[in-house]
Amino acid sequence: MTALISGTLRLSAARVVAGVLNGMSLSSALPQQQAHVPAKDQGLLAELSYGTLRYFHRLDIWLKHLMQKPIKPREQEVKAILLVGLYQLFYTRIPAHAAINETVQAVKLLKKNWAQGLVNGVLRNAQRQSQELQALADNNETCASSHPLWLQKALRQAWPDHWRDILQANNQLPPMTLRVNVRHYSRAQYQQRLQAEGIESCVSVSAPDALILKQPVVVEKLPEFAQGVVSVQDESAQLAGMLLPVKSGDRVLDACCAPGGKTCHILECHDTIAIDALDCDAKRLERVRENLGRLQLDAHVLCGDASDPDSWWDGQPYDAVLLDAPCSATGVIRRHPDIKLLRKARDIAALVQLQADILKAIWKTVKPGGVLLYATCSVMPEENQQQIAGFVQSHTDARILDITVTEGFNTGFGLQRFPGAGDGFFYSLLNKAVD
């Protein structure tokens, strides 16, 4: 890799990080920079971007310790370059001399001559002070966990027996998990297909259609991916298709459905149902249509606001509703480390109100005797068990049904899965009383 390409790669990673620091999501910032990096280096670009954000709070504290005065706010790209440099030194196998030289090269590409000596000096100083920096990580909670203080406190209060494990899991690389389309293969049959291609996997304990890969691969290498034989979906997310009780001939709604993974899983398991796939984001609904097309499945795709059924609902009640509610996404931080930077404590109350509004509105679309499965990818009680507790208290026709899944914490109002084997998810199954 030439110095120019190496510097370009580091600069691209830094611009991803700077984009997130300026409020952009990682899923939006990364694609903008991928065009500047050769295909063979895309993996390293992703690693530097994700890794720097995953350990941002620790790296940021280290950077402040290493500098005599903070970088000016207008120099976010220089700060991001330094953070990427620190990540390389402490969390990758890139030789230190290469990490430093190529990070300095990134500053040269910015044409900020004043910053070249700064970057070189800070990174070399970090090498010399590695033990001192580690001591900082051991003695500072934010540095140790690499989480914002508000989130640490919230998790500690909510889950006194689990909060440390949650924080640790959030900083781990998540596995690549597959969902086998049972219309084509059993899980065991597809596992044999993978093995024949040299792709090692193990079965999920809790999700009957899930295979967990020992090492991630590009989807193009998955046998018959283009033919709809398999999809990528975390095992906790796959539980929705298993927990929603659906029978032949049922009318089903997947509210807030994009990008369509749960819609498709329900259809894979039940081919004699009619399903409406609803989302308010027209652009994300294109992803739903793409997934349906690849899997050769059929659903009625609707663009509409789940909190306002009168604007899209035909008045015919549903036998089963899946409400995958908008949430803080605090259960999927390991897949989206930018959440630690973008999510704020003040966001939770607004999300709780939005969830309550949607749940109340969608409930009227459920047929008496029908069911609603409430789901979030959150670990915050306000969005989960407290949300359901408030709902059943104000809706006397709602009854909580038992969820029988081996892995997870029974809150009394639903099942909370913590990030670990799968992502952090909450499920609550509600039955609507017959008049």
Protein backbone atom coordinates (compact mmCIF):
# COMPACT_ATOMS: atom_id res chain seq x y z
CA MET A 1 0.00 0.00 0.00
CA THR A 2 1.55 3.30 -1.07
CA ALA A 3 1.87 6.19 1.37
CA LEU A 4 -0.72 8.17 -0.60
CA ILE A 5 -3.30 5.37 -0.51
CA SER A 6 -2.53 4.67 3.16
CA GLY A 7 -2.98 8.33 4.01
CA THR A 8 -6.17 8.51 1.98
CA LEU A 9 -7.57 5.51 3.84
CA ARG A 10 -6.78 7.05 7.25
CA LEU A 11 -8.21 10.38 6.15
CA SER A 12 -11.38 8.67 4.94
CA ALA A 13 -11.74 6.88 8.29
CA ALA A 14 -11.17 10.17 10.10
CA ARG A 15 -13.84 11.84 7.99
CA VAL A 16 -16.29 9.10 8.93
CA VAL A 17 -15.51 9.73 12.60
CA ALA A 18 -15.73 13.51 12.14
CA GLY A 19 -19.08 13.06 10.42
CA VAL A 20 -20.43 11.22 13.45
CA LEU A 21 -18.97 13.86 15.78
CA ASN A 22 -20.97 16.39 13.76
CA GLY A 23 -24.21 14.43 14.18
CA MET A 24 -24.22 12.12 11.15
CA SER A 25 -25.00 8.42 11.58
CA LEU A 26 -22.25 5.91 10.88
CA SER A 27 -24.45 4.20 8.29
CA SER A 28 -24.61 7.51 6.39
CA ALA A 29 -21.03 8.69 6.92
CA LEU A 30 -19.22 5.49 5.94
CA PRO A 31 -20.70 5.07 2.42
CA GLN A 32 -19.71 8.65 1.58
CA GLN A 33 -16.04 7.76 2.16
CA GLN A 34 -16.01 4.27 0.65
CA ALA A 35 -15.82 5.75 -2.85
CA HIS A 36 -12.37 7.17 -2.04
CA VAL A 37 -10.85 3.83 -1.01
CA PRO A 38 -9.98 0.80 -3.22
CA ALA A 39 -12.23 -2.25 -2.85
CA LYS A 40 -9.47 -4.34 -1.28
CA ASP A 41 -9.10 -1.77 1.53
CA GLN A 42 -12.81 -1.42 2.37
CA GLY A 43 -12.48 -3.85 5.27
CA LEU A 44 -9.73 -1.79 6.91
CA LEU A 45 -11.69 1.42 6.38
CA ALA A 46 -14.67 -0.14 8.17
CA GLU A 47 -12.48 -1.47 10.98
CA LEU A 48 -10.83 1.89 11.61
CA SER A 49 -14.17 3.73 11.48
CA TYR A 50 -16.13 1.30 13.64
CA GLY A 51 -13.26 0.67 16.04
CA THR A 52 -12.49 4.34 16.65
CA LEU A 53 -16.16 5.02 17.40
CA ARG A 54 -16.46 1.89 19.55
CA TYR A 55 -13.65 3.13 21.79
CA PHE A 56 -14.25 6.85 21.26
CA HIS A 57 -14.86 7.76 24.90
CA ARG A 58 -11.63 6.06 25.99
CA LEU A 59 -9.58 7.42 23.10
CA ASP A 60 -10.95 10.93 23.67
CA ILE A 61 -9.89 10.89 27.33
CA TRP A 62 -6.46 9.63 26.32
CA LEU A 63 -6.17 12.37 23.71
CA LYS A 64 -7.00 15.08 26.25
CA HIS A 65 -4.36 13.64 28.57
CA LEU A 66 -1.74 13.67 25.81
CA MET A 67 -2.36 17.24 24.65
CA GLN A 68 -1.38 20.45 26.40
CA LYS A 69 -4.48 22.23 25.11
CA PRO A 70 -7.60 20.96 23.31
CA ILE A 71 -8.00 21.08 19.56
CA LYS A 72 -10.23 23.91 18.38
CA PRO A 73 -13.80 22.83 17.52
CA ARG A 74 -13.36 23.86 13.88
CA GLU A 75 -10.54 21.30 13.53
CA GLN A 76 -12.71 18.21 13.96
CA GLU A 77 -10.95 16.36 11.13
CA VAL A 78 -7.56 16.78 12.80
CA LYS A 79 -9.02 15.52 16.08
CA ALA A 80 -10.56 12.57 14.25
CA ILE A 81 -7.22 11.76 12.60
CA LEU A 82 -5.59 11.66 16.04
CA LEU A 83 -8.32 9.37 17.37
CA VAL A 84 -7.91 7.03 14.40
CA GLY A 85 -4.16 7.04 15.05
CA LEU A 86 -4.63 6.11 18.70
CA TYR A 87 -7.03 3.33 17.76
CA GLN A 88 -4.44 1.85 15.40
CA LEU A 89 -1.72 1.97 18.06
CA PHE A 90 -3.72 0.28 20.80
CA TYR A 91 -6.35 -1.89 19.10
CA THR A 92 -4.91 -3.17 15.81
CA ARG A 93 -1.96 -5.25 14.70
CA ILE A 94 -0.71 -2.48 12.44
CA PRO A 95 2.97 -1.86 13.31
CA ALA A 96 3.35 1.31 15.36
CA HIS A 97 5.76 2.97 12.92
CA ALA A 98 3.35 2.36 10.03
CA ALA A 99 0.33 3.57 12.01
CA ILE A 100 2.11 6.80 12.94
CA ASN A 101 3.63 7.50 9.52
CA GLU A 102 0.41 6.83 7.63
CA THR A 103 -1.65 8.91 10.05
CA VAL A 104 0.77 11.81 9.56
CA GLN A 105 0.34 11.29 5.81
CA ALA A 106 -3.42 11.77 6.29
CA VAL A 107 -2.79 15.20 7.81
CA LYS A 108 -0.58 16.12 4.86
CA LEU A 109 -3.49 15.38 2.54
CA LEU A 110 -5.52 17.94 4.50
CA LYS A 111 -2.79 20.48 3.73
CA LYS A 112 -2.63 21.45 7.39
CA ASN A 113 1.12 21.78 7.81
CA TRP A 114 0.78 23.00 11.39
CA ALA A 115 -0.84 19.68 12.39
CA GLN A 116 1.82 17.30 11.05
CA GLY A 117 4.19 17.78 13.95
CA LEU A 118 1.27 17.70 16.40
CA VAL A 119 -0.01 14.34 15.14
CA ASN A 120 3.47 12.84 15.01
CA GLY A 121 4.30 14.08 18.51
CA VAL A 122 1.02 13.03 20.15
CA LEU A 123 1.13 9.50 18.72
CA ARG A 124 4.78 8.95 19.63
CA ASN A 125 4.04 10.28 23.10
CA ALA A 126 1.14 7.82 23.34
CA GLN A 127 3.58 5.00 22.64
CA ARG A 128 5.83 6.12 25.47
CA GLN A 129 2.93 6.64 27.92
CA SER A 130 1.05 3.41 27.19
CA GLN A 131 1.16 2.26 30.83
CA GLU A 132 -0.02 5.64 32.08
CA LEU A 133 -2.89 5.61 29.59
CA GLN A 134 -3.88 2.12 30.71
CA ALA A 135 -3.94 3.35 34.31
CA LEU A 136 -6.37 6.06 33.19
CA ALA A 137 -8.62 3.37 31.73
CA ASP A 138 -8.49 1.44 34.99
CA ASN A 139 -9.39 4.40 37.20
CA ASN A 140 -11.98 6.32 35.16
CA GLU A 141 -15.42 4.74 34.61
CA THR A 142 -16.06 6.49 31.32
CA CYS A 143 -12.60 5.58 30.08
CA ALA A 144 -12.86 1.99 31.34
CA SER A 145 -16.24 1.26 29.75
CA SER A 146 -15.94 3.63 26.77
CA HIS A 147 -19.56 4.67 27.30
CA PRO A 148 -21.03 8.10 28.08
CA LEU A 149 -21.59 8.65 31.78
CA TRP A 150 -25.37 9.10 31.45
CA LEU A 151 -25.73 5.69 29.81
CA GLN A 152 -23.52 3.99 32.40
CA LYS A 153 -25.64 5.43 35.21
CA ALA A 154 -28.91 4.51 33.50
CA LEU A 155 -27.84 0.91 32.93
CA ARG A 156 -26.44 0.56 36.42
CA GLN A 157 -29.71 1.74 37.93
CA ALA A 158 -31.86 -0.38 35.62
CA TRP A 159 -29.81 -3.59 35.74
CA PRO A 160 -27.66 -3.71 38.91
CA ASP A 161 -26.79 -7.36 38.27
CA HIS A 162 -26.21 -7.07 34.52
CA TRP A 163 -24.93 -3.57 33.69
CA ARG A 164 -21.24 -4.47 33.57
CA ASP A 165 -21.91 -7.37 31.22
CA ILE A 166 -24.00 -5.09 28.99
CA LEU A 167 -21.21 -2.50 28.77
CA GLN A 168 -18.65 -5.19 28.02
CA ALA A 169 -20.84 -6.80 25.35
CA ASN A 170 -21.39 -3.42 23.69
CA ASN A 171 -17.66 -3.17 23.00
CA GLN A 172 -17.36 -6.64 21.45
CA LEU A 173 -17.44 -7.39 17.74
CA PRO A 174 -20.87 -8.89 16.97
CA PRO A 175 -21.10 -12.20 15.13
CA MET A 176 -22.53 -12.55 11.66
CA THR A 177 -25.75 -14.50 12.03
CA LEU A 178 -27.78 -16.03 9.21
CA ARG A 179 -31.47 -16.81 8.92
CA VAL A 180 -32.09 -19.87 6.78
CA ASN A 181 -35.16 -19.66 4.54
CA VAL A 182 -36.99 -22.83 5.56
CA ARG A 183 -38.93 -22.78 2.30
CA HIS A 184 -35.70 -23.93 0.62
CA TYR A 185 -33.53 -25.71 3.19
CA SER A 186 -33.63 -26.88 6.76
CA ARG A 187 -31.04 -25.27 9.00
CA ALA A 188 -29.02 -28.50 9.11
CA GLN A 189 -29.05 -28.79 5.31
CA TYR A 190 -27.82 -25.24 4.82
CA GLN A 191 -25.15 -25.69 7.46
CA GLN A 192 -23.82 -28.56 5.32
CA ARG A 193 -23.84 -26.24 2.29
CA LEU A 194 -21.77 -23.73 4.22
CA GLN A 195 -19.34 -26.40 5.38
CA ALA A 196 -18.84 -27.57 1.80
CA GLU A 197 -17.77 -24.00 0.96
CA GLY A 198 -15.37 -23.90 3.91
CA ILE A 199 -17.60 -21.61 5.99
CA GLU A 200 -17.81 -22.76 9.61
CA SER A 201 -20.94 -22.11 11.67
CA CYS A 202 -22.78 -23.16 14.81
CA VAL A 203 -26.50 -23.33 15.52
CA SER A 204 -28.32 -20.81 17.68
CA VAL A 205 -29.79 -22.17 20.89
CA SER A 206 -32.83 -19.87 20.90
CA ALA A 207 -33.59 -19.07 17.24
CA PRO A 208 -34.50 -22.25 15.32
CA ASP A 209 -33.58 -20.91 11.86
CA ALA A 210 -30.31 -19.19 12.88
CA LEU A 211 -26.71 -20.12 12.09
CA ILE A 212 -23.87 -18.14 13.66
CA LEU A 213 -20.74 -17.89 11.53
CA LYS A 214 -17.34 -18.44 13.14
CA GLN A 215 -15.98 -15.66 10.89
CA PRO A 216 -17.98 -13.08 8.90
CA VAL A 217 -17.96 -13.30 5.11
CA VAL A 218 -19.24 -11.04 2.34
CA VAL A 219 -22.79 -12.05 1.46
CA GLU A 220 -21.77 -12.86 -2.12
CA LYS A 221 -19.85 -15.85 -0.73
CA LEU A 222 -22.94 -17.31 0.95
CA PRO A 223 -24.33 -20.21 -1.12
CA GLU A 224 -27.46 -19.14 -3.03
CA PHE A 225 -27.78 -15.81 -1.22
CA ALA A 226 -28.97 -14.10 -4.41
CA GLN A 227 -31.61 -16.82 -4.83
CA GLY A 228 -33.16 -16.02 -1.45
CA VAL A 229 -32.03 -19.11 0.41
CA VAL A 230 -30.54 -17.18 3.32
CA SER A 231 -30.52 -13.71 4.91
CA VAL A 232 -28.37 -11.91 7.46
CA GLN A 233 -30.26 -11.24 10.70
CA ASP A 234 -29.30 -11.35 14.36
CA GLU A 235 -30.75 -14.22 16.36
CA SER A 236 -32.58 -11.91 18.79
CA ALA A 237 -34.33 -10.19 15.88
CA GLN A 238 -35.26 -13.61 14.48
CA LEU A 239 -37.29 -14.37 17.59
CA ALA A 240 -40.06 -12.06 16.35
CA GLY A 241 -40.99 -14.52 13.62
CA MET A 242 -41.13 -17.31 16.17
CA LEU A 243 -42.97 -15.43 18.94
CA LEU A 244 -45.76 -13.94 16.81
CA PRO A 245 -48.49 -16.63 16.78
CA VAL A 246 -49.74 -16.80 13.21
CA LYS A 247 -51.96 -19.43 11.59
CA SER A 248 -53.04 -20.13 8.03
CA GLY A 249 -55.33 -17.49 6.58
CA ASP A 250 -54.47 -14.83 9.14
CA ARG A 251 -54.32 -11.15 8.31
CA VAL A 252 -51.05 -9.76 9.69
CA LEU A 253 -49.53 -6.28 10.11
CA ASP A 254 -45.83 -5.54 10.51
CA ALA A 255 -45.80 -1.94 11.74
CA CYS A 256 -42.53 0.04 11.47
CA CYS A 257 -41.30 -2.78 9.24
CA ALA A 258 -38.22 -1.39 7.44
CA PRO A 259 -35.84 -2.84 6.34
CA GLY A 260 -38.16 -5.84 6.23
CA GLY A 261 -36.21 -8.65 7.88
CA LYS A 262 -39.01 -9.58 10.27
CA THR A 263 -41.69 -9.28 7.56
CA CYS A 264 -39.75 -11.68 5.37
CA HIS A 265 -39.15 -14.14 8.21
CA ILE A 266 -42.85 -14.27 9.04
CA LEU A 267 -43.64 -14.99 5.38
CA GLU A 268 -40.92 -17.64 5.15
CA CYS A 269 -42.57 -19.49 8.04
CA HIS A 270 -46.19 -18.92 6.98
CA ASP A 271 -46.95 -18.96 3.26
CA THR A 272 -50.76 -18.80 3.54
CA ILE A 273 -51.16 -15.44 5.25
CA ALA A 274 -51.81 -11.90 4.03
CA ILE A 275 -49.35 -9.39 5.47
CA ASP A 276 -49.27 -5.60 5.35
CA ALA A 277 -45.77 -4.13 5.73
CA LEU A 278 -46.00 -0.55 7.02
CA ASP A 279 -43.34 2.11 7.47
CA CYS A 280 -43.31 5.91 7.39
CA ASP A 281 -39.98 6.13 5.50
CA ALA A 282 -40.52 5.74 1.75
CA LYS A 283 -36.79 5.39 1.09
CA ARG A 284 -36.39 2.56 3.60
CA LEU A 285 -39.43 0.85 2.12
CA GLU A 286 -37.37 0.36 -1.04
CA ARG A 287 -35.15 -1.92 1.05
CA VAL A 288 -38.24 -3.84 2.09
CA ARG A 289 -39.23 -4.34 -1.55
CA GLU A 290 -35.69 -5.42 -2.44
CA ASN A 291 -35.66 -8.02 0.32
CA LEU A 292 -39.09 -9.31 -0.64
CA GLY A 293 -37.97 -9.58 -4.26
CA ARG A 294 -34.75 -11.45 -3.50
CA LEU A 295 -36.62 -13.88 -1.25
CA GLN A 296 -39.49 -14.23 -3.75
CA LEU A 297 -42.06 -13.25 -1.15
CA ASP A 298 -45.20 -11.15 -1.42
CA ALA A 299 -46.45 -8.49 0.97
CA HIS A 300 -48.65 -5.42 0.69
CA VAL A 301 -46.17 -2.58 1.29
CA LEU A 302 -47.66 0.59 2.77
CA CYS A 303 -46.11 3.99 3.43
CA GLY A 304 -47.82 5.52 6.43
CA ASP A 305 -47.57 6.75 10.01
CA ALA A 306 -48.16 3.96 12.53
CA SER A 307 -49.45 6.51 15.04
CA ASP A 308 -52.21 7.56 12.60
CA PRO A 309 -53.94 4.40 11.30
CA ASP A 310 -56.85 6.40 9.89
CA SER A 311 -54.52 7.66 7.15
CA TRP A 312 -53.71 4.17 5.78
CA TRP A 313 -55.83 1.47 7.46
CA ASP A 314 -58.80 0.01 5.57
CA GLY A 315 -60.67 -0.75 8.79
CA GLN A 316 -60.31 -4.52 8.55
CA PRO A 317 -58.77 -5.75 11.84
CA TYR A 318 -55.63 -7.85 12.01
CA ASP A 319 -55.31 -11.26 13.63
CA ALA A 320 -51.69 -10.56 14.52
CA VAL A 321 -49.63 -7.36 14.68
CA LEU A 322 -45.89 -6.97 15.08
CA LEU A 323 -44.97 -3.54 16.42
CA ASP A 324 -41.20 -3.12 16.17
CA ALA A 325 -41.32 0.28 17.83
CA PRO A 326 -38.88 3.16 17.26
CA CYS A 327 -36.46 3.08 20.18
CA SER A 328 -33.11 4.17 21.59
CA ALA A 329 -31.35 1.18 19.94
CA THR A 330 -29.32 0.73 23.13
CA GLY A 331 -29.45 -3.03 22.60
CA VAL A 332 -27.55 -2.91 19.30
CA ILE A 333 -24.64 -0.63 20.24
CA ARG A 334 -22.12 -3.33 19.34
CA ARG A 335 -23.40 -3.15 15.74
CA HIS A 336 -23.86 0.62 15.74
CA PRO A 337 -21.21 2.16 18.04
CA ASP A 338 -22.17 5.65 16.89
CA ILE A 339 -25.23 5.32 19.14
CA LYS A 340 -22.95 6.00 22.12
CA LEU A 341 -22.15 9.42 20.65
CA LEU A 342 -25.45 10.34 19.02
CA ARG A 343 -27.98 9.19 21.63
CA LYS A 344 -28.56 11.60 24.51
CA ALA A 345 -30.29 11.09 27.86
CA ARG A 346 -32.98 13.59 26.87
CA ASP A 347 -33.95 11.43 23.87
CA ILE A 348 -35.43 8.65 25.99
CA ALA A 349 -38.51 10.54 27.19
CA ALA A 350 -39.42 11.59 23.63
CA LEU A 351 -39.05 8.01 22.39
CA VAL A 352 -41.17 6.68 25.25
CA GLN A 353 -43.96 9.10 24.32
CA LEU A 354 -43.73 8.17 20.63
CA GLN A 355 -43.91 4.47 21.49
CA ALA A 356 -46.93 5.05 23.70
CA ASP A 357 -48.69 6.99 20.94
CA ILE A 358 -48.02 4.27 18.35
CA LEU A 359 -48.97 1.43 20.68
CA LYS A 360 -52.27 3.10 21.58
CA ALA A 361 -53.07 3.84 17.94
CA ILE A 362 -52.09 0.41 16.57
CA TRP A 363 -54.02 -1.43 19.29
CA LYS A 364 -57.30 -0.46 17.67
CA THR A 365 -56.28 -2.33 14.49
CA VAL A 366 -56.01 -5.63 16.42
CA LYS A 367 -58.98 -7.98 16.15
CA PRO A 368 -60.66 -8.99 19.44
CA GLY A 369 -59.00 -12.28 20.29
CA GLY A 370 -55.96 -11.26 18.26
CA VAL A 371 -52.41 -10.58 19.39
CA LEU A 372 -49.82 -7.81 19.27
CA LEU A 373 -46.11 -8.48 19.69
CA TYR A 374 -44.34 -5.37 20.97
CA ALA A 375 -40.61 -5.31 20.23
CA THR A 376 -37.68 -2.96 20.69
CA CYS A 377 -33.91 -3.28 20.30
CA SER A 378 -33.51 -1.40 23.58
CA VAL A 379 -32.37 -2.33 27.08
CA MET A 380 -33.99 0.69 28.74
CA PRO A 381 -36.88 -0.27 31.08
CA GLU A 382 -38.78 2.95 30.27
CA GLU A 383 -39.16 1.79 26.68
CA ASN A 384 -39.89 -1.81 27.56
CA GLN A 385 -41.46 -3.25 30.71
CA GLN A 386 -42.50 0.17 32.02
CA GLN A 387 -44.08 1.00 28.67
CA ILE A 388 -46.09 -2.22 28.70
CA ALA A 389 -47.02 -1.84 32.37
CA GLY A 390 -48.51 1.56 31.65
CA PHE A 391 -50.32 0.29 28.58
CA VAL A 392 -52.05 -2.68 30.22
CA GLN A 393 -53.03 -0.46 33.15
CA SER A 394 -54.84 1.93 30.81
CA HIS A 395 -56.21 -0.76 28.46
CA THR A 396 -58.31 -3.29 30.33
CA ASP A 397 -58.75 -5.35 27.16
CA ALA A 398 -55.00 -6.09 27.00
CA ARG A 399 -53.57 -9.22 28.62
CA ILE A 400 -49.91 -10.21 28.72
CA LEU A 401 -49.17 -13.71 27.40
CA ASP A 402 -46.24 -15.81 28.52
CA ILE A 403 -43.18 -15.95 26.27
CA THR A 404 -41.34 -19.26 26.42
CA VAL A 405 -37.77 -18.60 25.32
CA THR A 406 -34.87 -20.21 27.13
CA GLU A 407 -32.54 -17.19 27.02
CA GLY A 408 -33.56 -13.86 28.47
CA PHE A 409 -34.78 -12.10 31.60
CA ASN A 410 -38.48 -12.27 32.47
CA THR A 411 -39.45 -8.76 33.55
CA GLY A 412 -43.03 -9.71 34.38
CA PHE A 413 -44.18 -7.62 31.41
CA GLY A 414 -42.13 -9.28 28.70
CA LEU A 415 -38.77 -10.82 27.87
CA GLN A 416 -35.56 -8.78 27.98
CA ARG A 417 -32.56 -10.19 26.13
CA PHE A 418 -29.22 -8.55 26.85
CA PRO A 419 -26.50 -8.11 24.24
CA GLY A 420 -24.22 -11.12 24.22
CA ALA A 421 -25.13 -14.23 22.25
CA GLY A 422 -27.57 -12.03 20.35
CA ASP A 423 -28.42 -8.34 20.33
CA GLY A 424 -30.31 -6.68 23.16
CA PHE A 425 -34.05 -7.00 22.48
CA PHE A 426 -37.33 -6.77 24.37
CA TYR A 427 -40.52 -8.65 23.47
CA SER A 428 -43.97 -8.49 25.02
CA LEU A 429 -46.92 -10.47 23.64
CA LEU A 430 -50.36 -8.95 24.23
CA ASN A 431 -53.74 -10.59 23.69
CA LYS A 432 -56.82 -8.47 22.99
CA ALA A 433 -59.91 -9.57 24.90
CA VAL A 434 -63.02 -10.67 23.04
CA ASP A 435 -65.98 -8.38 23.75
